[in-house]
Amino acid sequence: MRIFLSLVLVLLISWVAADFTFAQENKKVNKDESLRKGETRQTLDPSIFKDPMIREAYRAAKEIPWVLDSIYCYCYCKESPVFKHKSLLTCYVDDHAAR
């Protein structure tokens, strides 16, 4: 009986692990490109920043650029004749977001 229960437990764990792996492999990010403002430049590499919070912000910008490119930049750099940002994503193509 003990061997049978052990076998059932192993099979159950294997089944759950396989299902979890399958779900992770088939997880797709739904990108809504319709709201993009048109920033096409690459964001800076997060590893160049020492501050962990700034590094994390640049990592997020690199992972989901279509989201940041659809958000208005509230630092008003879009209105500035110096910056002329297209969206919040533009803040991450240079060190502007780290200041």
PDB file of N, CA and C in Angstrom:
ATOM      1  N   MET A   1       0.819  -1.195   0.000  1.00  0.00           N
ATOM      2  CA  MET A   1       0.000   0.000   0.000  1.00  0.00           C
ATOM      3  C   MET A   1       0.867   1.265   0.000  1.00  0.00           C
ATOM      4  N   ARG A   2       1.944   1.199   0.770  1.00  0.00           N
ATOM      5  CA  ARG A   2       2.830   2.363   0.882  1.00  0.00           C
ATOM      6  C   ARG A   2       3.492   2.661  -0.469  1.00  0.00           C
ATOM      7  N   ILE A   3       3.901   1.640  -1.193  1.00  0.00           N
ATOM      8  CA  ILE A   3       4.521   1.813  -2.504  1.00  0.00           C
ATOM      9  C   ILE A   3       3.506   2.411  -3.473  1.00  0.00           C
ATOM     10  N   PHE A   4       2.282   1.958  -3.400  1.00  0.00           N
ATOM     11  CA  PHE A   4       1.227   2.468  -4.270  1.00  0.00           C
ATOM     12  C   PHE A   4       0.996   3.959  -4.017  1.00  0.00           C
ATOM     13  N   LEU A   5       0.904   4.362  -2.754  1.00  0.00           N
ATOM     14  CA  LEU A   5       0.701   5.776  -2.423  1.00  0.00           C
ATOM     15  C   LEU A   5       1.887   6.625  -2.863  1.00  0.00           C
ATOM     16  N   SER A   6       3.097   6.109  -2.706  1.00  0.00           N
ATOM     17  CA  SER A   6       4.292   6.825  -3.148  1.00  0.00           C
ATOM     18  C   SER A   6       4.273   7.020  -4.660  1.00  0.00           C
ATOM     19  N   LEU A   7       3.875   5.969  -5.377  1.00  0.00           N
ATOM     20  CA  LEU A   7       3.792   6.052  -6.824  1.00  0.00           C
ATOM     21  C   LEU A   7       2.742   7.075  -7.263  1.00  0.00           C
ATOM     22  N   VAL A   8       1.597   7.075  -6.615  1.00  0.00           N
ATOM     23  CA  VAL A   8       0.542   8.046  -6.924  1.00  0.00           C
ATOM     24  C   VAL A   8       1.030   9.462  -6.640  1.00  0.00           C
ATOM     25  N   LEU A   9       1.728   9.655  -5.543  1.00  0.00           N
ATOM     26  CA  LEU A   9       2.259  10.970  -5.193  1.00  0.00           C
ATOM     27  C   LEU A   9       3.273  11.450  -6.227  1.00  0.00           C
ATOM     28  N   VAL A  10       4.168  10.576  -6.657  1.00  0.00           N
ATOM     29  CA  VAL A  10       5.163  10.928  -7.672  1.00  0.00           C
ATOM     30  C   VAL A  10       4.481  11.285  -8.983  1.00  0.00           C
ATOM     31  N   LEU A  11       3.488  10.504  -9.373  1.00  0.00           N
ATOM     32  CA  LEU A  11       2.755  10.795 -10.606  1.00  0.00           C
ATOM     33  C   LEU A  11       2.008  12.121 -10.514  1.00  0.00           C
ATOM     34  N   LEU A  12       1.417  12.385  -9.370  1.00  0.00           N
ATOM     35  CA  LEU A  12       0.693  13.649  -9.178  1.00  0.00           C
ATOM     36  C   LEU A  12       1.642  14.841  -9.251  1.00  0.00           C
ATOM     37  N   ILE A  13       2.789  14.735  -8.595  1.00  0.00           N
ATOM     38  CA  ILE A  13       3.777  15.818  -8.631  1.00  0.00           C
ATOM     39  C   ILE A  13       4.299  16.017 -10.045  1.00  0.00           C
ATOM     40  N   SER A  14       4.555  14.935 -10.758  1.00  0.00           N
ATOM     41  CA  SER A  14       5.030  15.026 -12.142  1.00  0.00           C
ATOM     42  C   SER A  14       3.991  15.695 -13.027  1.00  0.00           C
ATOM     43  N   TRP A  15       2.742  15.336 -12.831  1.00  0.00           N
ATOM     44  CA  TRP A  15       1.659  15.912 -13.628  1.00  0.00           C
ATOM     45  C   TRP A  15       1.530  17.414 -13.371  1.00  0.00           C
ATOM     46  N   VAL A  16       1.576  17.828 -12.114  1.00  0.00           N
ATOM     47  CA  VAL A  16       1.483  19.248 -11.764  1.00  0.00           C
ATOM     48  C   VAL A  16       2.672  20.015 -12.323  1.00  0.00           C
ATOM     49  N   ALA A  17       3.871  19.461 -12.199  1.00  0.00           N
ATOM     50  CA  ALA A  17       5.069  20.126 -12.716  1.00  0.00           C
ATOM     51  C   ALA A  17       5.008  20.263 -14.236  1.00  0.00           C
ATOM     52  N   ALA A  18       4.552  19.214 -14.922  1.00  0.00           N
ATOM     53  CA  ALA A  18       4.445  19.271 -16.384  1.00  0.00           C
ATOM     54  C   ALA A  18       3.412  20.294 -16.810  1.00  0.00           C
ATOM     55  N   ASP A  19       2.297  20.362 -16.088  1.00  0.00           N
ATOM     56  CA  ASP A  19       1.248  21.331 -16.416  1.00  0.00           C
ATOM     57  C   ASP A  19       1.742  22.756 -16.192  1.00  0.00           C
ATOM     58  N   PHE A  20       2.488  22.976 -15.109  1.00  0.00           N
ATOM     59  CA  PHE A  20       3.036  24.299 -14.822  1.00  0.00           C
ATOM     60  C   PHE A  20       4.036  24.712 -15.895  1.00  0.00           C
ATOM     61  N   THR A  21       4.906  23.790 -16.288  1.00  0.00           N
ATOM     62  CA  THR A  21       5.898  24.076 -17.333  1.00  0.00           C
ATOM     63  C   THR A  21       5.219  24.401 -18.647  1.00  0.00           C
ATOM     64  N   PHE A  22       4.197  23.642 -19.005  1.00  0.00           N
ATOM     65  CA  PHE A  22       3.450  23.889 -20.235  1.00  0.00           C
ATOM     66  C   PHE A  22       2.796  25.270 -20.203  1.00  0.00           C
ATOM     67  N   ALA A  23       2.220  25.629 -19.055  1.00  0.00           N
ATOM     68  CA  ALA A  23       1.566  26.936 -18.929  1.00  0.00           C
ATOM     69  C   ALA A  23       2.578  28.067 -19.056  1.00  0.00           C
ATOM     70  N   GLN A  24       3.762  27.915 -18.467  1.00  0.00           N
ATOM     71  CA  GLN A  24       4.792  28.947 -18.546  1.00  0.00           C
ATOM     72  C   GLN A  24       5.309  29.109 -19.969  1.00  0.00           C
ATOM     73  N   GLU A  25       5.462  28.004 -20.692  1.00  0.00           N
ATOM     74  CA  GLU A  25       5.964  28.076 -22.062  1.00  0.00           C
ATOM     75  C   GLU A  25       4.962  28.709 -23.003  1.00  0.00           C
ATOM     76  N   ASN A  26       3.690  28.554 -22.707  1.00  0.00           N
ATOM     77  CA  ASN A  26       2.649  29.076 -23.591  1.00  0.00           C
ATOM     78  C   ASN A  26       2.104  30.427 -23.146  1.00  0.00           C
ATOM     79  N   LYS A  27       2.730  31.011 -22.116  1.00  0.00           N
ATOM     80  CA  LYS A  27       2.278  32.320 -21.660  1.00  0.00           C
ATOM     81  C   LYS A  27       2.738  33.372 -22.663  1.00  0.00           C
ATOM     82  N   LYS A  28       1.807  34.116 -23.201  1.00  0.00           N
ATOM     83  CA  LYS A  28       2.141  35.146 -24.178  1.00  0.00           C
ATOM     84  C   LYS A  28       1.743  36.507 -23.618  1.00  0.00           C
ATOM     85  N   VAL A  29       2.561  37.496 -23.907  1.00  0.00           N
ATOM     86  CA  VAL A  29       2.267  38.855 -23.489  1.00  0.00           C
ATOM     87  C   VAL A  29       1.398  39.487 -24.563  1.00  0.00           C
ATOM     88  N   ASN A  30       0.279  40.030 -24.135  1.00  0.00           N
ATOM     89  CA  ASN A  30      -0.631  40.680 -25.063  1.00  0.00           C
ATOM     90  C   ASN A  30      -0.175  42.124 -25.265  1.00  0.00           C
ATOM     91  N   LYS A  31       0.372  42.409 -26.428  1.00  0.00           N
ATOM     92  CA  LYS A  31       0.888  43.747 -26.719  1.00  0.00           C
ATOM     93  C   LYS A  31      -0.156  44.528 -27.497  1.00  0.00           C
ATOM     94  N   ASP A  32      -0.555  45.670 -26.944  1.00  0.00           N
ATOM     95  CA  ASP A  32      -1.463  46.560 -27.659  1.00  0.00           C
ATOM     96  C   ASP A  32      -0.627  47.688 -28.250  1.00  0.00           C
ATOM     97  N   GLU A  33      -0.325  47.581 -29.520  1.00  0.00           N
ATOM     98  CA  GLU A  33       0.544  48.542 -30.198  1.00  0.00           C
ATOM     99  C   GLU A  33      -0.225  49.772 -30.681  1.00  0.00           C
ATOM    100  N   SER A  34      -1.545  49.786 -30.529  1.00  0.00           N
ATOM    101  CA  SER A  34      -2.364  50.846 -31.114  1.00  0.00           C
ATOM    102  C   SER A  34      -2.173  52.214 -30.471  1.00  0.00           C
ATOM    103  N   LEU A  35      -1.697  52.272 -29.248  1.00  0.00           N
ATOM    104  CA  LEU A  35      -1.559  53.547 -28.543  1.00  0.00           C
ATOM    105  C   LEU A  35      -0.146  54.117 -28.569  1.00  0.00           C
ATOM    106  N   ARG A  36       0.758  53.460 -29.257  1.00  0.00           N
ATOM    107  CA  ARG A  36       2.161  53.891 -29.248  1.00  0.00           C
ATOM    108  C   ARG A  36       2.319  55.278 -29.845  1.00  0.00           C
ATOM    109  N   LYS A  37       3.248  56.031 -29.268  1.00  0.00           N
ATOM    110  CA  LYS A  37       3.520  57.401 -29.713  1.00  0.00           C
ATOM    111  C   LYS A  37       4.652  57.467 -30.722  1.00  0.00           C
ATOM    112  N   GLY A  38       5.378  56.368 -30.916  1.00  0.00           N
ATOM    113  CA  GLY A  38       6.368  56.341 -31.977  1.00  0.00           C
ATOM    114  C   GLY A  38       7.814  56.383 -31.576  1.00  0.00           C
ATOM    115  N   GLU A  39       8.131  56.145 -30.298  1.00  0.00           N
ATOM    116  CA  GLU A  39       9.537  56.101 -29.895  1.00  0.00           C
ATOM    117  C   GLU A  39      10.142  54.787 -30.396  1.00  0.00           C
ATOM    118  N   THR A  40      11.198  54.896 -31.190  1.00  0.00           N
ATOM    119  CA  THR A  40      11.798  53.705 -31.788  1.00  0.00           C
ATOM    120  C   THR A  40      13.202  53.427 -31.270  1.00  0.00           C
ATOM    121  N   ARG A  41      13.776  54.342 -30.511  1.00  0.00           N
ATOM    122  CA  ARG A  41      15.129  54.127 -29.992  1.00  0.00           C
ATOM    123  C   ARG A  41      15.129  53.106 -28.860  1.00  0.00           C
ATOM    124  N   GLN A  42      16.242  52.392 -28.703  1.00  0.00           N
ATOM    125  CA  GLN A  42      16.394  51.391 -27.647  1.00  0.00           C
ATOM    126  C   GLN A  42      16.609  52.069 -26.293  1.00  0.00           C
ATOM    127  N   THR A  43      16.110  51.453 -25.248  1.00  0.00           N
ATOM    128  CA  THR A  43      16.356  51.965 -23.902  1.00  0.00           C
ATOM    129  C   THR A  43      17.780  51.615 -23.490  1.00  0.00           C
ATOM    130  N   LEU A  44      18.288  52.339 -22.512  1.00  0.00           N
ATOM    131  CA  LEU A  44      19.642  52.061 -22.018  1.00  0.00           C
ATOM    132  C   LEU A  44      19.676  50.724 -21.284  1.00  0.00           C
ATOM    133  N   ASP A  45      20.850  50.128 -21.256  1.00  0.00           N
ATOM    134  CA  ASP A  45      21.047  48.866 -20.552  1.00  0.00           C
ATOM    135  C   ASP A  45      20.949  49.117 -19.046  1.00  0.00           C
ATOM    136  N   PRO A  46      20.068  48.405 -18.344  1.00  0.00           N
ATOM    137  CA  PRO A  46      19.896  48.623 -16.900  1.00  0.00           C
ATOM    138  C   PRO A  46      21.165  48.379 -16.082  1.00  0.00           C
ATOM    139  N   SER A  47      22.047  47.537 -16.562  1.00  0.00           N
ATOM    140  CA  SER A  47      23.236  47.185 -15.773  1.00  0.00           C
ATOM    141  C   SER A  47      24.231  48.337 -15.622  1.00  0.00           C
ATOM    142  N   ILE A  48      24.066  49.412 -16.355  1.00  0.00           N
ATOM    143  CA  ILE A  48      25.013  50.533 -16.229  1.00  0.00           C
ATOM    144  C   ILE A  48      24.719  51.416 -15.022  1.00  0.00           C
ATOM    145  N   PHE A  49      23.575  51.170 -14.358  1.00  0.00           N
ATOM    146  CA  PHE A  49      23.198  51.983 -13.205  1.00  0.00           C
ATOM    147  C   PHE A  49      23.504  51.244 -11.913  1.00  0.00           C
ATOM    148  N   LYS A  50      24.023  51.975 -10.930  1.00  0.00           N
ATOM    149  CA  LYS A  50      24.374  51.379  -9.640  1.00  0.00           C
ATOM    150  C   LYS A  50      23.177  51.314  -8.696  1.00  0.00           C
ATOM    151  N   ASP A  51      22.309  52.302  -8.743  1.00  0.00           N
ATOM    152  CA  ASP A  51      21.144  52.340  -7.860  1.00  0.00           C
ATOM    153  C   ASP A  51      20.158  51.241  -8.264  1.00  0.00           C
ATOM    154  N   PRO A  52      19.790  50.347  -7.331  1.00  0.00           N
ATOM    155  CA  PRO A  52      18.899  49.232  -7.688  1.00  0.00           C
ATOM    156  C   PRO A  52      17.510  49.672  -8.152  1.00  0.00           C
ATOM    157  N   MET A  53      17.000  50.769  -7.625  1.00  0.00           N
ATOM    158  CA  MET A  53      15.672  51.241  -8.052  1.00  0.00           C
ATOM    159  C   MET A  53      15.707  51.756  -9.490  1.00  0.00           C
ATOM    160  N   ILE A  54      16.763  52.478  -9.817  1.00  0.00           N
ATOM    161  CA  ILE A  54      16.910  52.979 -11.190  1.00  0.00           C
ATOM    162  C   ILE A  54      17.137  51.805 -12.138  1.00  0.00           C
ATOM    163  N   ARG A  55      17.965  50.854 -11.726  1.00  0.00           N
ATOM    164  CA  ARG A  55      18.207  49.672 -12.547  1.00  0.00           C
ATOM    165  C   ARG A  55      16.906  48.921 -12.818  1.00  0.00           C
ATOM    166  N   GLU A  56      16.070  48.780 -11.807  1.00  0.00           N
ATOM    167  CA  GLU A  56      14.795  48.081 -11.965  1.00  0.00           C
ATOM    168  C   GLU A  56      13.858  48.848 -12.909  1.00  0.00           C
ATOM    169  N   ALA A  57      13.849  50.175 -12.824  1.00  0.00           N
ATOM    170  CA  ALA A  57      13.013  50.972 -13.717  1.00  0.00           C
ATOM    171  C   ALA A  57      13.445  50.815 -15.175  1.00  0.00           C
ATOM    172  N   TYR A  58      14.731  50.841 -15.423  1.00  0.00           N
ATOM    173  CA  TYR A  58      15.242  50.658 -16.783  1.00  0.00           C
ATOM    174  C   TYR A  58      15.015  49.226 -17.280  1.00  0.00           C
ATOM    175  N   ARG A  59      15.061  48.250 -16.368  1.00  0.00           N
ATOM    176  CA  ARG A  59      14.766  46.872 -16.749  1.00  0.00           C
ATOM    177  C   ARG A  59      13.304  46.747 -17.183  1.00  0.00           C
ATOM    178  N   ALA A  60      12.409  47.369 -16.438  1.00  0.00           N
ATOM    179  CA  ALA A  60      10.990  47.331 -16.798  1.00  0.00           C
ATOM    180  C   ALA A  60      10.751  48.033 -18.134  1.00  0.00           C
ATOM    181  N   ALA A  61      11.428  49.148 -18.346  1.00  0.00           N
ATOM    182  CA  ALA A  61      11.280  49.869 -19.611  1.00  0.00           C
ATOM    183  C   ALA A  61      11.747  49.020 -20.786  1.00  0.00           C
ATOM    184  N   LYS A  62      12.787  48.240 -20.577  1.00  0.00           N
ATOM    185  CA  LYS A  62      13.302  47.363 -21.635  1.00  0.00           C
ATOM    186  C   LYS A  62      12.348  46.199 -21.892  1.00  0.00           C
ATOM    187  N   GLU A  63      11.664  45.723 -20.858  1.00  0.00           N
ATOM    188  CA  GLU A  63      10.760  44.576 -21.005  1.00  0.00           C
ATOM    189  C   GLU A  63       9.407  44.948 -21.608  1.00  0.00           C
ATOM    190  N   ILE A  64       8.895  46.132 -21.301  1.00  0.00           N
ATOM    191  CA  ILE A  64       7.553  46.510 -21.774  1.00  0.00           C
ATOM    192  C   ILE A  64       7.562  47.893 -22.438  1.00  0.00           C
ATOM    193  N   PRO A  65       8.357  48.069 -23.488  1.00  0.00           N
ATOM    194  CA  PRO A  65       8.443  49.397 -24.102  1.00  0.00           C
ATOM    195  C   PRO A  65       7.125  49.872 -24.700  1.00  0.00           C
ATOM    196  N   TRP A  66       6.292  48.961 -25.203  1.00  0.00           N
ATOM    197  CA  TRP A  66       5.026  49.364 -25.810  1.00  0.00           C
ATOM    198  C   TRP A  66       4.088  49.991 -24.782  1.00  0.00           C
ATOM    199  N   VAL A  67       4.236  49.611 -23.512  1.00  0.00           N
ATOM    200  CA  VAL A  67       3.403  50.207 -22.460  1.00  0.00           C
ATOM    201  C   VAL A  67       3.869  51.629 -22.183  1.00  0.00           C
ATOM    202  N   LEU A  68       5.173  51.808 -21.964  1.00  0.00           N
ATOM    203  CA  LEU A  68       5.692  53.145 -21.664  1.00  0.00           C
ATOM    204  C   LEU A  68       5.542  54.087 -22.850  1.00  0.00           C
ATOM    205  N   ASP A  69       5.584  53.543 -24.051  1.00  0.00           N
ATOM    206  CA  ASP A  69       5.437  54.395 -25.235  1.00  0.00           C
ATOM    207  C   ASP A  69       3.991  54.858 -25.423  1.00  0.00           C
ATOM    208  N   SER A  70       3.071  54.297 -24.678  1.00  0.00           N
ATOM    209  CA  SER A  70       1.677  54.721 -24.786  1.00  0.00           C
ATOM    210  C   SER A  70       1.259  55.632 -23.633  1.00  0.00           C
ATOM    211  N   ILE A  71       2.214  55.994 -22.767  1.00  0.00           N
ATOM    212  CA  ILE A  71       1.911  56.829 -21.601  1.00  0.00           C
ATOM    213  C   ILE A  71       2.515  58.218 -21.780  1.00  0.00           C
ATOM    214  N   TYR A  72       1.716  59.220 -21.491  1.00  0.00           N
ATOM    215  CA  TYR A  72       2.181  60.603 -21.548  1.00  0.00           C
ATOM    216  C   TYR A  72       3.238  60.826 -20.474  1.00  0.00           C
ATOM    217  N   CYS A  73       4.276  61.547 -20.816  1.00  0.00           N
ATOM    218  CA  CYS A  73       5.353  61.841 -19.880  1.00  0.00           C
ATOM    219  C   CYS A  73       4.979  63.070 -19.054  1.00  0.00           C
ATOM    220  N   TYR A  74       4.796  62.885 -17.765  1.00  0.00           N
ATOM    221  CA  TYR A  74       4.370  63.979 -16.901  1.00  0.00           C
ATOM    222  C   TYR A  74       5.515  64.831 -16.368  1.00  0.00           C
ATOM    223  N   CYS A  75       6.721  64.621 -16.857  1.00  0.00           N
ATOM    224  CA  CYS A  75       7.795  65.543 -16.465  1.00  0.00           C
ATOM    225  C   CYS A  75       7.822  66.721 -17.451  1.00  0.00           C
ATOM    226  N   TYR A  76       6.850  66.759 -18.337  1.00  0.00           N
ATOM    227  CA  TYR A  76       6.656  67.841 -19.314  1.00  0.00           C
ATOM    228  C   TYR A  76       7.834  68.016 -20.259  1.00  0.00           C
ATOM    229  N   CYS A  77       8.594  66.959 -20.441  1.00  0.00           N
ATOM    230  CA  CYS A  77       9.713  67.053 -21.367  1.00  0.00           C
ATOM    231  C   CYS A  77       9.223  67.029 -22.821  1.00  0.00           C
ATOM    232  N   LYS A  78       7.967  66.621 -23.029  1.00  0.00           N
ATOM    233  CA  LYS A  78       7.420  66.647 -24.388  1.00  0.00           C
ATOM    234  C   LYS A  78       7.285  68.101 -24.867  1.00  0.00           C
ATOM    235  N   GLU A  79       6.924  68.982 -23.949  1.00  0.00           N
ATOM    236  CA  GLU A  79       6.750  70.387 -24.298  1.00  0.00           C
ATOM    237  C   GLU A  79       8.069  71.151 -24.361  1.00  0.00           C
ATOM    238  N   SER A  80       9.111  70.574 -23.797  1.00  0.00           N
ATOM    239  CA  SER A  80      10.401  71.250 -23.745  1.00  0.00           C
ATOM    240  C   SER A  80      11.064  71.258 -25.118  1.00  0.00           C
ATOM    241  N   PRO A  81      11.552  72.411 -25.560  1.00  0.00           N
ATOM    242  CA  PRO A  81      12.264  72.453 -26.843  1.00  0.00           C
ATOM    243  C   PRO A  81      13.602  71.705 -26.778  1.00  0.00           C
ATOM    244  N   VAL A  82      14.111  71.448 -25.586  1.00  0.00           N
ATOM    245  CA  VAL A  82      15.370  70.736 -25.429  1.00  0.00           C
ATOM    246  C   VAL A  82      15.167  69.220 -25.574  1.00  0.00           C
ATOM    247  N   PHE A  83      14.158  68.662 -24.889  1.00  0.00           N
ATOM    248  CA  PHE A  83      13.975  67.210 -24.857  1.00  0.00           C
ATOM    249  C   PHE A  83      13.112  66.678 -25.996  1.00  0.00           C
ATOM    250  N   LYS A  84      11.979  67.304 -26.250  1.00  0.00           N
ATOM    251  CA  LYS A  84      11.046  66.882 -27.308  1.00  0.00           C
ATOM    252  C   LYS A  84      10.717  65.391 -27.224  1.00  0.00           C
ATOM    253  N   HIS A  85      10.322  64.939 -26.051  1.00  0.00           N
ATOM    254  CA  HIS A  85       9.980  63.533 -25.863  1.00  0.00           C
ATOM    255  C   HIS A  85       8.669  63.188 -26.549  1.00  0.00           C
ATOM    256  N   LYS A  86       8.594  61.972 -27.058  1.00  0.00           N
ATOM    257  CA  LYS A  86       7.374  61.473 -27.684  1.00  0.00           C
ATOM    258  C   LYS A  86       6.448  60.845 -26.655  1.00  0.00           C
ATOM    259  N   SER A  87       7.038  60.203 -25.629  1.00  0.00           N
ATOM    260  CA  SER A  87       6.261  59.515 -24.601  1.00  0.00           C
ATOM    261  C   SER A  87       7.153  59.270 -23.390  1.00  0.00           C
ATOM    262  N   LEU A  88       6.625  58.556 -22.405  1.00  0.00           N
ATOM    263  CA  LEU A  88       7.411  58.221 -21.224  1.00  0.00           C
ATOM    264  C   LEU A  88       8.596  57.331 -21.583  1.00  0.00           C
ATOM    265  N   LEU A  89       8.474  56.531 -22.613  1.00  0.00           N
ATOM    266  CA  LEU A  89       9.577  55.671 -23.033  1.00  0.00           C
ATOM    267  C   LEU A  89      10.810  56.476 -23.422  1.00  0.00           C
ATOM    268  N   THR A  90      10.622  57.650 -23.957  1.00  0.00           N
ATOM    269  CA  THR A  90      11.751  58.483 -24.373  1.00  0.00           C
ATOM    270  C   THR A  90      12.663  58.814 -23.186  1.00  0.00           C
ATOM    271  N   CYS A  91      12.110  58.901 -21.988  1.00  0.00           N
ATOM    272  CA  CYS A  91      12.919  59.184 -20.797  1.00  0.00           C
ATOM    273  C   CYS A  91      13.945  58.081 -20.530  1.00  0.00           C
ATOM    274  N   TYR A  92      13.706  56.881 -21.084  1.00  0.00           N
ATOM    275  CA  TYR A  92      14.575  55.744 -20.823  1.00  0.00           C
ATOM    276  C   TYR A  92      15.558  55.441 -21.939  1.00  0.00           C
ATOM    277  N   VAL A  93      15.575  56.228 -22.984  1.00  0.00           N
ATOM    278  CA  VAL A  93      16.557  56.014 -24.052  1.00  0.00           C
ATOM    279  C   VAL A  93      17.868  56.732 -23.741  1.00  0.00           C
ATOM    280  N   ASP A  94      17.847  57.563 -22.729  1.00  0.00           N
ATOM    281  CA  ASP A  94      19.070  58.191 -22.210  1.00  0.00           C
ATOM    282  C   ASP A  94      18.971  58.171 -20.684  1.00  0.00           C
ATOM    283  N   ASP A  95      19.785  58.939 -19.988  1.00  0.00           N
ATOM    284  CA  ASP A  95      19.761  58.895 -18.532  1.00  0.00           C
ATOM    285  C   ASP A  95      18.753  59.863 -17.913  1.00  0.00           C
ATOM    286  N   HIS A  96      17.834  60.378 -18.715  1.00  0.00           N
ATOM    287  CA  HIS A  96      16.840  61.347 -18.226  1.00  0.00           C
ATOM    288  C   HIS A  96      16.024  60.774 -17.064  1.00  0.00           C
ATOM    289  N   ALA A  97      15.624  59.534 -17.145  1.00  0.00           N
ATOM    290  CA  ALA A  97      14.795  58.921 -16.079  1.00  0.00           C
ATOM    291  C   ALA A  97      15.588  58.662 -14.815  1.00  0.00           C
ATOM    292  N   ALA A  98      16.902  58.659 -14.894  1.00  0.00           N
ATOM    293  CA  ALA A  98      17.739  58.384 -13.716  1.00  0.00           C
ATOM    294  C   ALA A  98      18.046  59.640 -12.918  1.00  0.00           C
ATOM    295  N   ARG A  99      17.704  60.782 -13.424  1.00  0.00           N
ATOM    296  CA  ARG A  99      18.021  62.031 -12.708  1.00  0.00           C
ATOM    297  C   ARG A  99      16.993  62.369 -11.685  1.00  0.00           C
TER     298      ARG A  99
END
